Protein backbone atom coordinates (compact mmCIF):
# COMPACT_ATOMS: atom_id res chain seq x y z
CA UNK A 1 0.00 0.00 0.00
CA UNK A 2 2.83 2.39 0.88
CA UNK A 3 4.44 1.69 -2.50
CA UNK A 4 1.18 2.54 -4.29
CA UNK A 5 0.86 5.84 -2.39
CA UNK A 6 4.50 6.67 -3.16
CA UNK A 7 3.93 5.82 -6.82
CA UNK A 8 0.82 8.06 -7.03
CA UNK A 9 2.62 10.88 -5.22
CA UNK A 10 5.58 10.59 -7.60
CA UNK A 11 3.27 10.66 -10.60
CA UNK A 12 1.52 13.79 -9.28
CA UNK A 13 4.87 15.51 -8.72
CA UNK A 14 5.95 14.68 -12.27
CA UNK A 15 2.68 16.03 -13.64
CA UNK A 16 3.08 19.24 -11.64
CA UNK A 17 6.65 19.70 -12.87
CA UNK A 18 5.63 19.07 -16.48
CA UNK A 19 2.88 21.68 -16.06
CA UNK A 20 5.45 24.20 -14.84
CA UNK A 21 7.72 23.36 -17.75
CA UNK A 22 4.83 23.74 -20.20
CA UNK A 23 3.93 27.11 -18.67
CA UNK A 24 7.50 28.30 -19.09
CA UNK A 25 7.58 26.98 -22.65
CA UNK A 26 4.32 28.81 -23.35
CA UNK A 27 6.19 32.12 -23.03
CA UNK A 28 8.34 31.41 -26.08
CA UNK A 29 10.18 34.36 -27.61
CA UNK A 30 10.59 32.31 -30.81
CA UNK A 31 6.84 31.93 -31.33
CA UNK A 32 5.58 32.83 -34.80
CA UNK A 33 1.95 33.54 -35.63
CA UNK A 34 -0.04 34.30 -38.75
CA UNK A 35 -3.05 36.57 -38.31
CA UNK A 36 -5.68 36.29 -41.04
CA UNK A 37 -8.77 38.41 -41.60
CA UNK A 38 -10.75 40.49 -44.07
CA UNK A 39 -11.47 44.17 -44.66
CA UNK A 40 -14.81 45.32 -46.03
CA UNK A 41 -16.82 48.42 -46.92
CA UNK A 42 -20.06 48.81 -44.97
CA UNK A 43 -22.56 50.69 -47.17
CA UNK A 44 -25.28 50.60 -44.48
CA UNK A 45 -23.21 51.91 -41.53
CA UNK A 46 -24.29 48.99 -39.32
CA UNK A 47 -20.74 47.71 -38.70
CA UNK A 48 -21.44 44.13 -39.77
CA UNK A 49 -21.35 42.43 -43.15
CA UNK A 50 -24.56 42.47 -45.22
CA UNK A 51 -25.21 41.36 -48.77
CA UNK A 52 -24.43 44.93 -49.90
CA UNK A 53 -20.96 44.91 -48.30
CA UNK A 54 -17.90 44.79 -50.52
CA UNK A 55 -14.49 43.43 -49.57
CA UNK A 56 -11.70 45.94 -50.10
CA UNK A 57 -8.40 45.35 -51.85
CA UNK A 58 -5.53 47.63 -50.87
CA UNK A 59 -6.66 48.62 -47.37
CA UNK A 60 -3.84 49.25 -44.89
CA UNK A 61 -4.19 47.24 -41.67
CA UNK A 62 -2.07 47.24 -38.53
CA UNK A 63 -1.56 44.78 -35.69
CA UNK A 64 -0.95 46.61 -32.41
CA UNK A 65 0.06 44.98 -29.13
CA UNK A 66 -0.12 47.14 -26.02
CA UNK A 67 1.05 46.76 -22.46
CA UNK A 68 -2.00 45.85 -20.37
CA UNK A 69 -1.16 48.26 -17.55
CA UNK A 70 0.29 51.29 -19.34
CA UNK A 71 -1.42 51.05 -22.73
CA UNK A 72 1.93 51.73 -24.41
CA UNK A 73 2.38 50.09 -27.83
CA UNK A 74 4.94 47.29 -27.55
CA UNK A 75 4.72 45.65 -30.99
CA UNK A 76 3.32 46.50 -34.43
CA UNK A 77 3.03 44.82 -37.81
CA UNK A 78 1.63 46.53 -40.91
CA UNK A 79 -0.03 44.91 -43.88
CA UNK A 80 -2.36 45.40 -46.83
CA UNK A 81 -5.50 43.55 -47.90
CA UNK A 82 -5.52 41.58 -51.14
CA UNK A 83 -8.06 41.05 -53.92
CA UNK A 84 -10.86 39.59 -51.82
CA UNK A 85 -10.19 41.86 -48.84
CA UNK A 86 -8.03 39.21 -47.14
CA UNK A 87 -4.88 40.07 -45.25
CA UNK A 88 -2.22 37.92 -43.61
CA UNK A 89 0.12 39.37 -41.00
CA UNK A 90 3.20 37.62 -39.62
CA UNK A 91 3.91 38.20 -35.93
CA UNK A 92 6.85 37.02 -33.87
CA UNK A 93 7.25 36.43 -30.17
CA UNK A 94 4.83 35.61 -27.38
CA UNK A 95 2.54 38.52 -26.53
CA UNK A 96 0.37 36.76 -23.95
CA UNK A 97 0.82 39.57 -21.41
CA UNK A 98 -0.29 42.20 -23.90
CA UNK A 99 -3.54 43.28 -25.54
CA UNK A 100 -3.22 42.69 -29.28
CA UNK A 101 -5.70 43.78 -31.93
CA UNK A 102 -5.90 44.39 -35.65
CA UNK A 103 -7.44 47.59 -36.97
CA UNK A 104 -7.80 49.37 -40.28
CA UNK A 105 -5.45 52.26 -41.00
CA UNK A 106 -6.24 53.75 -44.42
CA UNK A 107 -8.94 53.00 -46.96
CA UNK A 108 -8.24 52.37 -50.63
CA UNK A 109 -11.47 54.33 -51.32
CA UNK A 110 -11.28 57.35 -49.03
CA UNK A 111 -13.87 59.34 -51.00
CA UNK A 112 -16.55 56.66 -51.13
CA UNK A 113 -15.81 54.40 -48.15
CA UNK A 114 -13.28 56.08 -45.91
CA UNK A 115 -14.66 56.28 -42.37
CA UNK A 116 -12.92 53.67 -40.20
CA UNK A 117 -15.18 51.58 -37.99
CA UNK A 118 -14.74 51.79 -34.24
CA UNK A 119 -14.41 48.03 -34.02
CA UNK A 120 -11.01 46.34 -33.82
CA UNK A 121 -10.28 42.62 -34.07
CA UNK A 122 -8.64 41.27 -30.90
CA UNK A 123 -6.21 38.38 -31.34
CA UNK A 124 -4.39 36.13 -28.88
CA UNK A 125 -0.67 35.82 -29.62
CA UNK A 126 0.58 33.26 -27.15
CA UNK A 127 1.30 29.53 -27.18
CA UNK A 128 -1.65 28.48 -25.04
CA UNK A 129 -2.18 24.96 -26.27
CA UNK A 130 -3.78 25.85 -29.61
CA UNK A 131 -2.85 23.34 -32.28
CA UNK A 132 -2.19 25.98 -34.93
CA UNK A 133 -0.12 29.15 -35.17
CA UNK A 134 -2.84 30.77 -37.33
CA UNK A 135 -5.08 33.28 -35.57
CA UNK A 136 -8.30 34.35 -37.29
CA UNK A 137 -9.42 37.92 -36.69
CA UNK A 138 -12.96 39.29 -36.99
CA UNK A 139 -13.78 41.36 -40.06
CA UNK A 140 -12.78 45.02 -39.87
CA UNK A 141 -13.50 47.87 -42.23
CA UNK A 142 -14.73 51.23 -43.33
CA UNK A 143 -18.17 52.78 -43.72
CA UNK A 144 -19.71 54.94 -46.39
CA UNK A 145 -20.59 58.48 -45.32
CA UNK A 146 -24.31 57.97 -45.98
CA UNK A 147 -26.21 54.66 -46.05
CA UNK A 148 -27.22 53.42 -49.50
CA UNK A 149 -30.91 53.54 -50.50
CA UNK A 150 -31.19 49.72 -50.47
CA UNK A 151 -30.06 49.41 -46.84
CA UNK A 152 -33.48 49.63 -45.14
CA UNK A 153 -34.76 46.75 -47.28
CA UNK A 154 -31.66 44.62 -46.60
CA UNK A 155 -31.89 45.28 -42.86
CA UNK A 156 -35.61 44.47 -42.89
CA UNK A 157 -34.79 41.12 -44.51
CA UNK A 158 -32.47 40.50 -41.55
CA UNK A 159 -35.27 41.30 -39.11
CA UNK A 160 -33.87 44.70 -38.20
CA UNK A 161 -36.24 47.62 -38.53
CA UNK A 162 -35.36 51.32 -38.48
CA UNK A 163 -37.40 51.53 -35.28
CA UNK A 164 -34.75 49.38 -33.54
CA UNK A 165 -32.52 52.45 -33.10
CA UNK A 166 -30.35 53.13 -30.08
CA UNK A 167 -31.95 56.53 -29.49
CA UNK A 168 -33.14 57.28 -26.00
CA UNK A 169 -36.88 57.63 -25.79
CA UNK A 170 -38.37 59.55 -22.91
CA UNK A 171 -41.03 57.64 -20.98
CA UNK A 172 -44.58 58.86 -21.33
CA UNK A 173 -46.02 60.99 -18.57
CA UNK A 174 -48.59 59.12 -16.47
CA UNK A 175 -52.14 60.27 -17.02
CA UNK A 176 -54.50 60.88 -14.13
């Protein structure tokens, strides 16, 4: 019985040590990641892809990693979207202690679709047990200055009505 307890205790110690080793290995300075995503033009100003959206070739995108506490930029990578709006950024090093995100920088159509969306695409750049070094980012993009005429119909097809606005509505006065 004592041998069995000793054997189990030894196994648990080995597992704990391997966990520590894996945690140290997870912070690998030699890590390499590929961040993939797409850039689009939002003609309805809803900040999500609709059937009227167009993917943009030639948009400048940037990966920014910032220190969690100070907000200072610690790492950047620049890129450009290709024919179907796709981009692929190569990042090096483990950035698990940082906040990393991809955002649009400049539009290839500044006159017709040049207003950058507020949304960024957060990405995790650390070896945390994922089986791939590819990180997929949410779509990012630009908006047209004014919504296209077809937008209300497209939004209605999606079950979104113009009455679903975010405007504050004052409550009605109670009647006596």
